[in-house]
Amino acid sequence: MKLILRTILMLGVAALLSACPQTKEGKTLSDTLEQYETMIRWAQWDAAVNFISLDYQEDNPITRLELDRLRLFRVTNYLVRSSVPVDDGNGLLQSVEIRMFNKNQARERSIIDEQHWKYNKQTESWQLHSGLPDPTQKNY
């Protein structure tokens, strides 16, 4: 059942992205989202930091504690629940369910990661303006 829902959701996201005019930004967005998902799925937290806007990091520095806490988890599932273009296509709000297995407690938990992506015209890249997933949030 989860596989069917995931397939339907991914087809919906693909349809949304393909319905948009194929601009350099649109192609780069899908590539960026795919690369970021891969980093999260493989728990490559240090590499995932590179997707976060430097402006965001100045206001919300990523601490060693935050990274160490994330290293306690292995990601077991990454499911995009919704994806909504904003700011005339220069932004994207994405809600992602991430299932994480805590290696120390041998427990799996589910969190919702609310992602805000913005296109940076200077660097010609999409950047995350919402930080890394927060494994301390309560299960939903």
N, C-alpha and C. Protein backbone atom coordinates (compact mmCIF):
# COMPACT_ATOMS: atom_id res chain seq x y z
N MET A 1 0.83 -1.19 0.00
CA MET A 1 0.00 0.00 0.00
C MET A 1 0.87 1.26 0.00
N LYS A 2 1.93 1.26 0.85
CA LYS A 2 2.81 2.43 0.90
C LYS A 2 3.50 2.64 -0.43
N LEU A 3 3.86 1.55 -1.09
CA LEU A 3 4.53 1.65 -2.39
C LEU A 3 3.60 2.28 -3.42
N ILE A 4 2.33 1.92 -3.39
CA ILE A 4 1.36 2.48 -4.33
C ILE A 4 1.19 3.97 -4.06
N LEU A 5 1.05 4.34 -2.78
CA LEU A 5 0.89 5.76 -2.43
C LEU A 5 2.13 6.56 -2.83
N ARG A 6 3.30 5.99 -2.58
CA ARG A 6 4.55 6.67 -2.95
C ARG A 6 4.63 6.87 -4.46
N THR A 7 4.26 5.84 -5.22
CA THR A 7 4.30 5.92 -6.67
C THR A 7 3.34 6.99 -7.17
N ILE A 8 2.13 7.01 -6.63
CA ILE A 8 1.15 8.01 -7.04
C ILE A 8 1.65 9.41 -6.71
N LEU A 9 2.21 9.57 -5.52
CA LEU A 9 2.72 10.88 -5.12
C LEU A 9 3.88 11.32 -6.01
N MET A 10 4.80 10.42 -6.29
CA MET A 10 5.94 10.77 -7.14
C MET A 10 5.48 11.12 -8.55
N LEU A 11 4.46 10.40 -9.07
CA LEU A 11 3.92 10.73 -10.39
C LEU A 11 3.26 12.11 -10.37
N GLY A 12 2.59 12.42 -9.26
CA GLY A 12 1.98 13.74 -9.12
C GLY A 12 3.01 14.85 -9.11
N VAL A 13 4.09 14.65 -8.36
CA VAL A 13 5.18 15.64 -8.33
C VAL A 13 5.81 15.77 -9.71
N ALA A 14 6.02 14.64 -10.36
CA ALA A 14 6.60 14.67 -11.71
C ALA A 14 5.69 15.41 -12.67
N ALA A 15 4.38 15.20 -12.54
CA ALA A 15 3.43 15.90 -13.40
C ALA A 15 3.46 17.39 -13.13
N LEU A 16 3.54 17.77 -11.85
CA LEU A 16 3.64 19.19 -11.52
C LEU A 16 4.89 19.82 -12.12
N LEU A 17 6.01 19.13 -11.97
CA LEU A 17 7.26 19.67 -12.49
C LEU A 17 7.28 19.70 -14.01
N SER A 18 6.67 18.69 -14.65
CA SER A 18 6.68 18.66 -16.11
C SER A 18 5.66 19.63 -16.69
N ALA A 19 4.63 19.98 -15.91
CA ALA A 19 3.64 20.93 -16.38
C ALA A 19 4.19 22.35 -16.41
N CYS A 20 5.22 22.60 -15.64
CA CYS A 20 5.85 23.91 -15.62
C CYS A 20 6.71 24.06 -16.87
N PRO A 21 6.87 25.28 -17.36
CA PRO A 21 7.76 25.47 -18.49
C PRO A 21 9.16 24.96 -18.15
N GLN A 22 9.80 24.31 -19.10
CA GLN A 22 11.12 23.76 -18.85
C GLN A 22 12.18 24.85 -18.93
N THR A 23 12.42 25.47 -17.81
CA THR A 23 13.46 26.49 -17.72
C THR A 23 14.68 25.86 -17.08
N LYS A 24 15.76 26.57 -17.14
CA LYS A 24 16.97 26.10 -16.48
C LYS A 24 16.71 25.91 -14.99
N GLU A 25 15.93 26.85 -14.40
CA GLU A 25 15.63 26.77 -12.98
C GLU A 25 14.82 25.52 -12.65
N GLY A 26 13.81 25.18 -13.50
CA GLY A 26 12.98 24.01 -13.26
C GLY A 26 13.78 22.73 -13.29
N LYS A 27 14.66 22.60 -14.28
CA LYS A 27 15.50 21.40 -14.39
C LYS A 27 16.43 21.33 -13.18
N THR A 28 17.00 22.45 -12.82
CA THR A 28 17.90 22.48 -11.69
C THR A 28 17.16 22.13 -10.40
N LEU A 29 15.91 22.55 -10.26
CA LEU A 29 15.14 22.24 -9.05
C LEU A 29 14.97 20.74 -8.89
N SER A 30 14.52 20.06 -9.93
CA SER A 30 14.32 18.62 -9.79
C SER A 30 15.64 17.89 -9.50
N ASP A 31 16.72 18.34 -10.13
CA ASP A 31 18.03 17.75 -9.85
C ASP A 31 18.43 17.98 -8.40
N THR A 32 18.22 19.21 -7.92
CA THR A 32 18.58 19.57 -6.55
C THR A 32 17.78 18.76 -5.55
N LEU A 33 16.46 18.65 -5.77
CA LEU A 33 15.61 17.88 -4.86
C LEU A 33 16.03 16.41 -4.82
N GLU A 34 16.36 15.88 -5.98
CA GLU A 34 16.80 14.48 -6.06
C GLU A 34 18.12 14.28 -5.32
N GLN A 35 19.06 15.21 -5.51
CA GLN A 35 20.36 15.10 -4.84
C GLN A 35 20.20 15.23 -3.33
N TYR A 36 19.36 16.17 -2.90
CA TYR A 36 19.14 16.37 -1.47
C TYR A 36 18.50 15.12 -0.85
N GLU A 37 17.50 14.58 -1.52
CA GLU A 37 16.86 13.36 -1.03
C GLU A 37 17.88 12.24 -0.87
N THR A 38 18.78 12.11 -1.82
CA THR A 38 19.82 11.08 -1.74
C THR A 38 20.70 11.30 -0.52
N MET A 39 21.10 12.55 -0.28
CA MET A 39 21.94 12.85 0.89
C MET A 39 21.22 12.47 2.19
N ILE A 40 19.92 12.78 2.26
CA ILE A 40 19.15 12.47 3.47
C ILE A 40 18.97 10.96 3.60
N ARG A 41 18.59 10.31 2.52
CA ARG A 41 18.38 8.85 2.57
C ARG A 41 19.62 8.10 3.05
N TRP A 42 20.79 8.58 2.65
CA TRP A 42 22.03 7.91 3.05
C TRP A 42 22.63 8.53 4.31
N ALA A 43 21.85 9.41 4.96
CA ALA A 43 22.26 10.05 6.21
C ALA A 43 23.62 10.74 6.06
N GLN A 44 23.81 11.39 4.95
CA GLN A 44 25.03 12.16 4.70
C GLN A 44 24.78 13.61 5.17
N TRP A 45 24.69 13.78 6.47
CA TRP A 45 24.26 15.05 7.06
C TRP A 45 25.23 16.18 6.75
N ASP A 46 26.52 15.91 6.76
CA ASP A 46 27.49 16.97 6.46
C ASP A 46 27.33 17.45 5.02
N ALA A 47 27.07 16.53 4.11
CA ALA A 47 26.86 16.91 2.71
C ALA A 47 25.52 17.64 2.53
N ALA A 48 24.52 17.26 3.31
CA ALA A 48 23.21 17.92 3.22
C ALA A 48 23.30 19.39 3.62
N VAL A 49 24.23 19.72 4.50
CA VAL A 49 24.41 21.11 4.93
C VAL A 49 24.74 22.01 3.72
N ASN A 50 25.40 21.46 2.73
CA ASN A 50 25.78 22.25 1.55
C ASN A 50 24.59 22.74 0.75
N PHE A 51 23.41 22.17 0.96
CA PHE A 51 22.20 22.60 0.26
C PHE A 51 21.54 23.80 0.94
N ILE A 52 21.94 24.07 2.18
CA ILE A 52 21.30 25.14 2.96
C ILE A 52 21.94 26.48 2.64
N SER A 53 21.08 27.46 2.41
CA SER A 53 21.52 28.82 2.08
C SER A 53 22.46 29.38 3.15
N LEU A 54 23.50 30.05 2.70
CA LEU A 54 24.44 30.67 3.65
C LEU A 54 23.74 31.75 4.47
N ASP A 55 22.79 32.47 3.84
CA ASP A 55 22.02 33.48 4.58
C ASP A 55 21.25 32.83 5.72
N TYR A 56 20.63 31.69 5.44
CA TYR A 56 19.89 30.97 6.47
C TYR A 56 20.84 30.49 7.58
N GLN A 57 22.00 29.99 7.18
CA GLN A 57 22.97 29.48 8.16
C GLN A 57 23.53 30.58 9.05
N GLU A 58 23.63 31.80 8.53
CA GLU A 58 24.10 32.92 9.36
C GLU A 58 23.12 33.18 10.50
N ASP A 59 21.82 33.13 10.19
CA ASP A 59 20.79 33.39 11.20
C ASP A 59 20.50 32.15 12.06
N ASN A 60 20.76 30.97 11.50
CA ASN A 60 20.46 29.71 12.18
C ASN A 60 21.65 28.76 12.03
N PRO A 61 22.73 29.03 12.74
CA PRO A 61 23.92 28.19 12.57
C PRO A 61 23.64 26.73 12.94
N ILE A 62 24.24 25.85 12.17
CA ILE A 62 24.09 24.41 12.42
C ILE A 62 25.19 24.01 13.40
N THR A 63 24.77 23.50 14.52
CA THR A 63 25.73 23.18 15.58
C THR A 63 26.23 21.74 15.45
N ARG A 64 27.34 21.49 16.10
CA ARG A 64 27.88 20.13 16.14
C ARG A 64 26.90 19.20 16.84
N LEU A 65 26.23 19.70 17.88
CA LEU A 65 25.24 18.90 18.60
C LEU A 65 24.13 18.45 17.65
N GLU A 66 23.67 19.36 16.82
CA GLU A 66 22.60 19.04 15.86
C GLU A 66 23.06 17.93 14.90
N LEU A 67 24.27 18.06 14.37
CA LEU A 67 24.80 17.04 13.46
C LEU A 67 25.03 15.71 14.19
N ASP A 68 25.57 15.77 15.40
CA ASP A 68 25.80 14.54 16.17
C ASP A 68 24.47 13.84 16.48
N ARG A 69 23.45 14.61 16.77
CA ARG A 69 22.13 14.03 17.04
C ARG A 69 21.60 13.33 15.79
N LEU A 70 21.76 13.96 14.63
CA LEU A 70 21.30 13.35 13.39
C LEU A 70 22.07 12.06 13.07
N ARG A 71 23.33 12.02 13.45
CA ARG A 71 24.15 10.83 13.19
C ARG A 71 23.68 9.60 13.98
N LEU A 72 22.83 9.81 14.97
CA LEU A 72 22.27 8.69 15.74
C LEU A 72 21.19 7.95 14.95
N PHE A 73 20.79 8.52 13.80
CA PHE A 73 19.66 7.98 13.06
C PHE A 73 20.08 7.45 11.69
N ARG A 74 19.38 6.40 11.29
CA ARG A 74 19.47 5.89 9.93
C ARG A 74 18.11 6.15 9.29
N VAL A 75 18.09 6.76 8.12
CA VAL A 75 16.83 7.07 7.45
C VAL A 75 16.31 5.81 6.78
N THR A 76 15.05 5.46 7.07
CA THR A 76 14.44 4.26 6.50
C THR A 76 13.44 4.59 5.40
N ASN A 77 12.96 5.84 5.35
CA ASN A 77 12.02 6.22 4.29
C ASN A 77 11.99 7.74 4.16
N TYR A 78 11.83 8.20 2.93
CA TYR A 78 11.76 9.63 2.62
C TYR A 78 10.61 9.76 1.63
N LEU A 79 9.52 10.36 2.07
CA LEU A 79 8.31 10.44 1.25
C LEU A 79 7.84 11.88 1.12
N VAL A 80 7.84 12.39 -0.09
CA VAL A 80 7.35 13.75 -0.34
C VAL A 80 5.83 13.70 -0.24
N ARG A 81 5.27 14.46 0.71
CA ARG A 81 3.82 14.47 0.91
C ARG A 81 3.16 15.58 0.11
N SER A 82 3.82 16.72 -0.02
CA SER A 82 3.27 17.80 -0.84
C SER A 82 4.40 18.68 -1.33
N SER A 83 4.14 19.31 -2.46
CA SER A 83 5.14 20.17 -3.08
C SER A 83 4.39 21.30 -3.79
N VAL A 84 4.58 22.54 -3.31
CA VAL A 84 3.81 23.67 -3.83
C VAL A 84 4.74 24.79 -4.27
N PRO A 85 4.70 25.14 -5.58
CA PRO A 85 5.51 26.27 -6.05
C PRO A 85 4.99 27.59 -5.44
N VAL A 86 5.91 28.47 -5.07
CA VAL A 86 5.56 29.78 -4.52
C VAL A 86 6.45 30.85 -5.17
N ASP A 87 6.17 32.10 -4.88
CA ASP A 87 6.98 33.23 -5.36
C ASP A 87 7.18 33.19 -6.88
N ASP A 88 6.08 33.02 -7.61
CA ASP A 88 6.12 32.99 -9.08
C ASP A 88 7.11 31.96 -9.61
N GLY A 89 7.20 30.82 -8.96
CA GLY A 89 8.09 29.76 -9.41
C GLY A 89 9.51 29.88 -8.91
N ASN A 90 9.82 30.90 -8.14
CA ASN A 90 11.17 31.07 -7.60
C ASN A 90 11.33 30.46 -6.22
N GLY A 91 10.29 29.75 -5.78
CA GLY A 91 10.35 29.09 -4.48
C GLY A 91 9.51 27.83 -4.50
N LEU A 92 9.73 26.98 -3.52
CA LEU A 92 8.97 25.74 -3.41
C LEU A 92 8.83 25.39 -1.94
N LEU A 93 7.60 25.12 -1.53
CA LEU A 93 7.34 24.61 -0.18
C LEU A 93 7.09 23.12 -0.32
N GLN A 94 7.85 22.35 0.41
CA GLN A 94 7.74 20.90 0.30
C GLN A 94 7.63 20.29 1.68
N SER A 95 6.66 19.41 1.85
CA SER A 95 6.47 18.70 3.10
C SER A 95 6.89 17.25 2.88
N VAL A 96 7.83 16.78 3.71
CA VAL A 96 8.40 15.45 3.53
C VAL A 96 8.27 14.66 4.83
N GLU A 97 7.76 13.43 4.71
CA GLU A 97 7.75 12.52 5.85
C GLU A 97 9.05 11.73 5.82
N ILE A 98 9.78 11.79 6.93
CA ILE A 98 11.04 11.05 7.03
C ILE A 98 10.90 10.06 8.18
N ARG A 99 11.13 8.80 7.87
CA ARG A 99 11.15 7.77 8.91
C ARG A 99 12.60 7.53 9.26
N MET A 100 12.89 7.57 10.56
CA MET A 100 14.26 7.49 11.04
C MET A 100 14.37 6.42 12.12
N PHE A 101 15.41 5.60 12.01
CA PHE A 101 15.66 4.56 13.00
C PHE A 101 16.77 5.02 13.92
N ASN A 102 16.46 5.12 15.21
CA ASN A 102 17.44 5.52 16.21
C ASN A 102 18.29 4.30 16.55
N LYS A 103 19.57 4.37 16.21
CA LYS A 103 20.46 3.21 16.41
C LYS A 103 20.68 2.89 17.89
N ASN A 104 20.65 3.90 18.75
CA ASN A 104 20.87 3.67 20.18
C ASN A 104 19.65 3.09 20.88
N GLN A 105 18.48 3.54 20.49
CA GLN A 105 17.25 3.09 21.15
C GLN A 105 16.56 1.96 20.41
N ALA A 106 17.03 1.64 19.21
CA ALA A 106 16.42 0.61 18.37
C ALA A 106 14.93 0.88 18.17
N ARG A 107 14.62 2.15 17.87
CA ARG A 107 13.23 2.56 17.64
C ARG A 107 13.16 3.38 16.38
N GLU A 108 12.06 3.21 15.66
CA GLU A 108 11.83 4.03 14.48
C GLU A 108 10.83 5.12 14.82
N ARG A 109 11.06 6.28 14.26
CA ARG A 109 10.15 7.40 14.47
C ARG A 109 9.89 8.05 13.13
N SER A 110 8.82 8.81 13.06
CA SER A 110 8.44 9.49 11.84
C SER A 110 8.35 10.98 12.14
N ILE A 111 8.96 11.79 11.28
CA ILE A 111 8.89 13.24 11.45
C ILE A 111 8.43 13.86 10.14
N ILE A 112 7.95 15.07 10.22
CA ILE A 112 7.60 15.83 9.02
C ILE A 112 8.62 16.95 8.89
N ASP A 113 9.28 16.99 7.75
CA ASP A 113 10.27 18.03 7.47
C ASP A 113 9.64 19.03 6.50
N GLU A 114 9.42 20.23 6.99
CA GLU A 114 8.86 21.30 6.15
C GLU A 114 10.02 22.04 5.50
N GLN A 115 10.15 21.90 4.21
CA GLN A 115 11.28 22.47 3.47
C GLN A 115 10.83 23.70 2.69
N HIS A 116 11.65 24.74 2.71
CA HIS A 116 11.41 25.94 1.91
C HIS A 116 12.62 26.16 1.01
N TRP A 117 12.42 25.93 -0.28
CA TRP A 117 13.48 26.08 -1.27
C TRP A 117 13.31 27.40 -1.99
N LYS A 118 14.41 28.09 -2.27
CA LYS A 118 14.39 29.35 -3.03
C LYS A 118 15.47 29.30 -4.10
N TYR A 119 15.15 29.89 -5.23
CA TYR A 119 16.13 29.97 -6.31
C TYR A 119 17.00 31.20 -6.10
N ASN A 120 18.31 31.01 -6.12
CA ASN A 120 19.27 32.11 -5.98
C ASN A 120 19.79 32.45 -7.37
N LYS A 121 19.40 33.62 -7.87
CA LYS A 121 19.79 34.01 -9.24
C LYS A 121 21.29 34.26 -9.36
N GLN A 122 21.92 34.71 -8.29
CA GLN A 122 23.36 34.98 -8.34
C GLN A 122 24.16 33.70 -8.54
N THR A 123 23.81 32.67 -7.80
CA THR A 123 24.54 31.40 -7.89
C THR A 123 23.89 30.44 -8.89
N GLU A 124 22.72 30.83 -9.40
CA GLU A 124 21.95 29.99 -10.31
C GLU A 124 21.74 28.59 -9.73
N SER A 125 21.31 28.57 -8.46
CA SER A 125 21.07 27.29 -7.79
C SER A 125 19.88 27.43 -6.84
N TRP A 126 19.29 26.28 -6.52
CA TRP A 126 18.22 26.21 -5.55
C TRP A 126 18.84 25.94 -4.18
N GLN A 127 18.37 26.68 -3.17
CA GLN A 127 18.93 26.54 -1.84
C GLN A 127 17.81 26.36 -0.82
N LEU A 128 18.11 25.59 0.19
CA LEU A 128 17.16 25.32 1.26
C LEU A 128 17.21 26.44 2.29
N HIS A 129 16.05 26.93 2.67
CA HIS A 129 15.95 28.02 3.65
C HIS A 129 15.16 27.57 4.88
N SER A 130 15.35 26.31 5.25
CA SER A 130 14.62 25.80 6.41
C SER A 130 15.42 24.84 7.28
N GLY A 131 16.65 24.63 7.00
CA GLY A 131 17.49 23.82 7.86
C GLY A 131 17.34 22.32 7.65
N LEU A 132 18.09 21.57 8.44
CA LEU A 132 18.08 20.11 8.37
C LEU A 132 16.86 19.56 9.11
N PRO A 133 16.50 18.30 8.83
CA PRO A 133 15.39 17.68 9.56
C PRO A 133 15.65 17.69 11.07
N ASP A 134 14.58 17.79 11.84
CA ASP A 134 14.70 17.86 13.30
C ASP A 134 14.19 16.55 13.92
N PRO A 135 15.11 15.65 14.30
CA PRO A 135 14.66 14.37 14.87
C PRO A 135 14.09 14.49 16.28
N THR A 136 14.19 15.68 16.88
CA THR A 136 13.66 15.85 18.24
C THR A 136 12.18 16.19 18.25
N GLN A 137 11.61 16.48 17.07
CA GLN A 137 10.17 16.80 17.06
C GLN A 137 9.36 15.56 17.42
N LYS A 138 8.19 15.78 17.96
CA LYS A 138 7.34 14.67 18.37
C LYS A 138 6.86 13.91 17.15
N ASN A 139 6.70 12.61 17.34
CA ASN A 139 6.11 11.80 16.26
C ASN A 139 4.74 12.36 15.94
N TYR A 140 4.38 12.29 14.69
CA TYR A 140 3.06 12.80 14.34
C TYR A 140 2.07 11.69 14.34
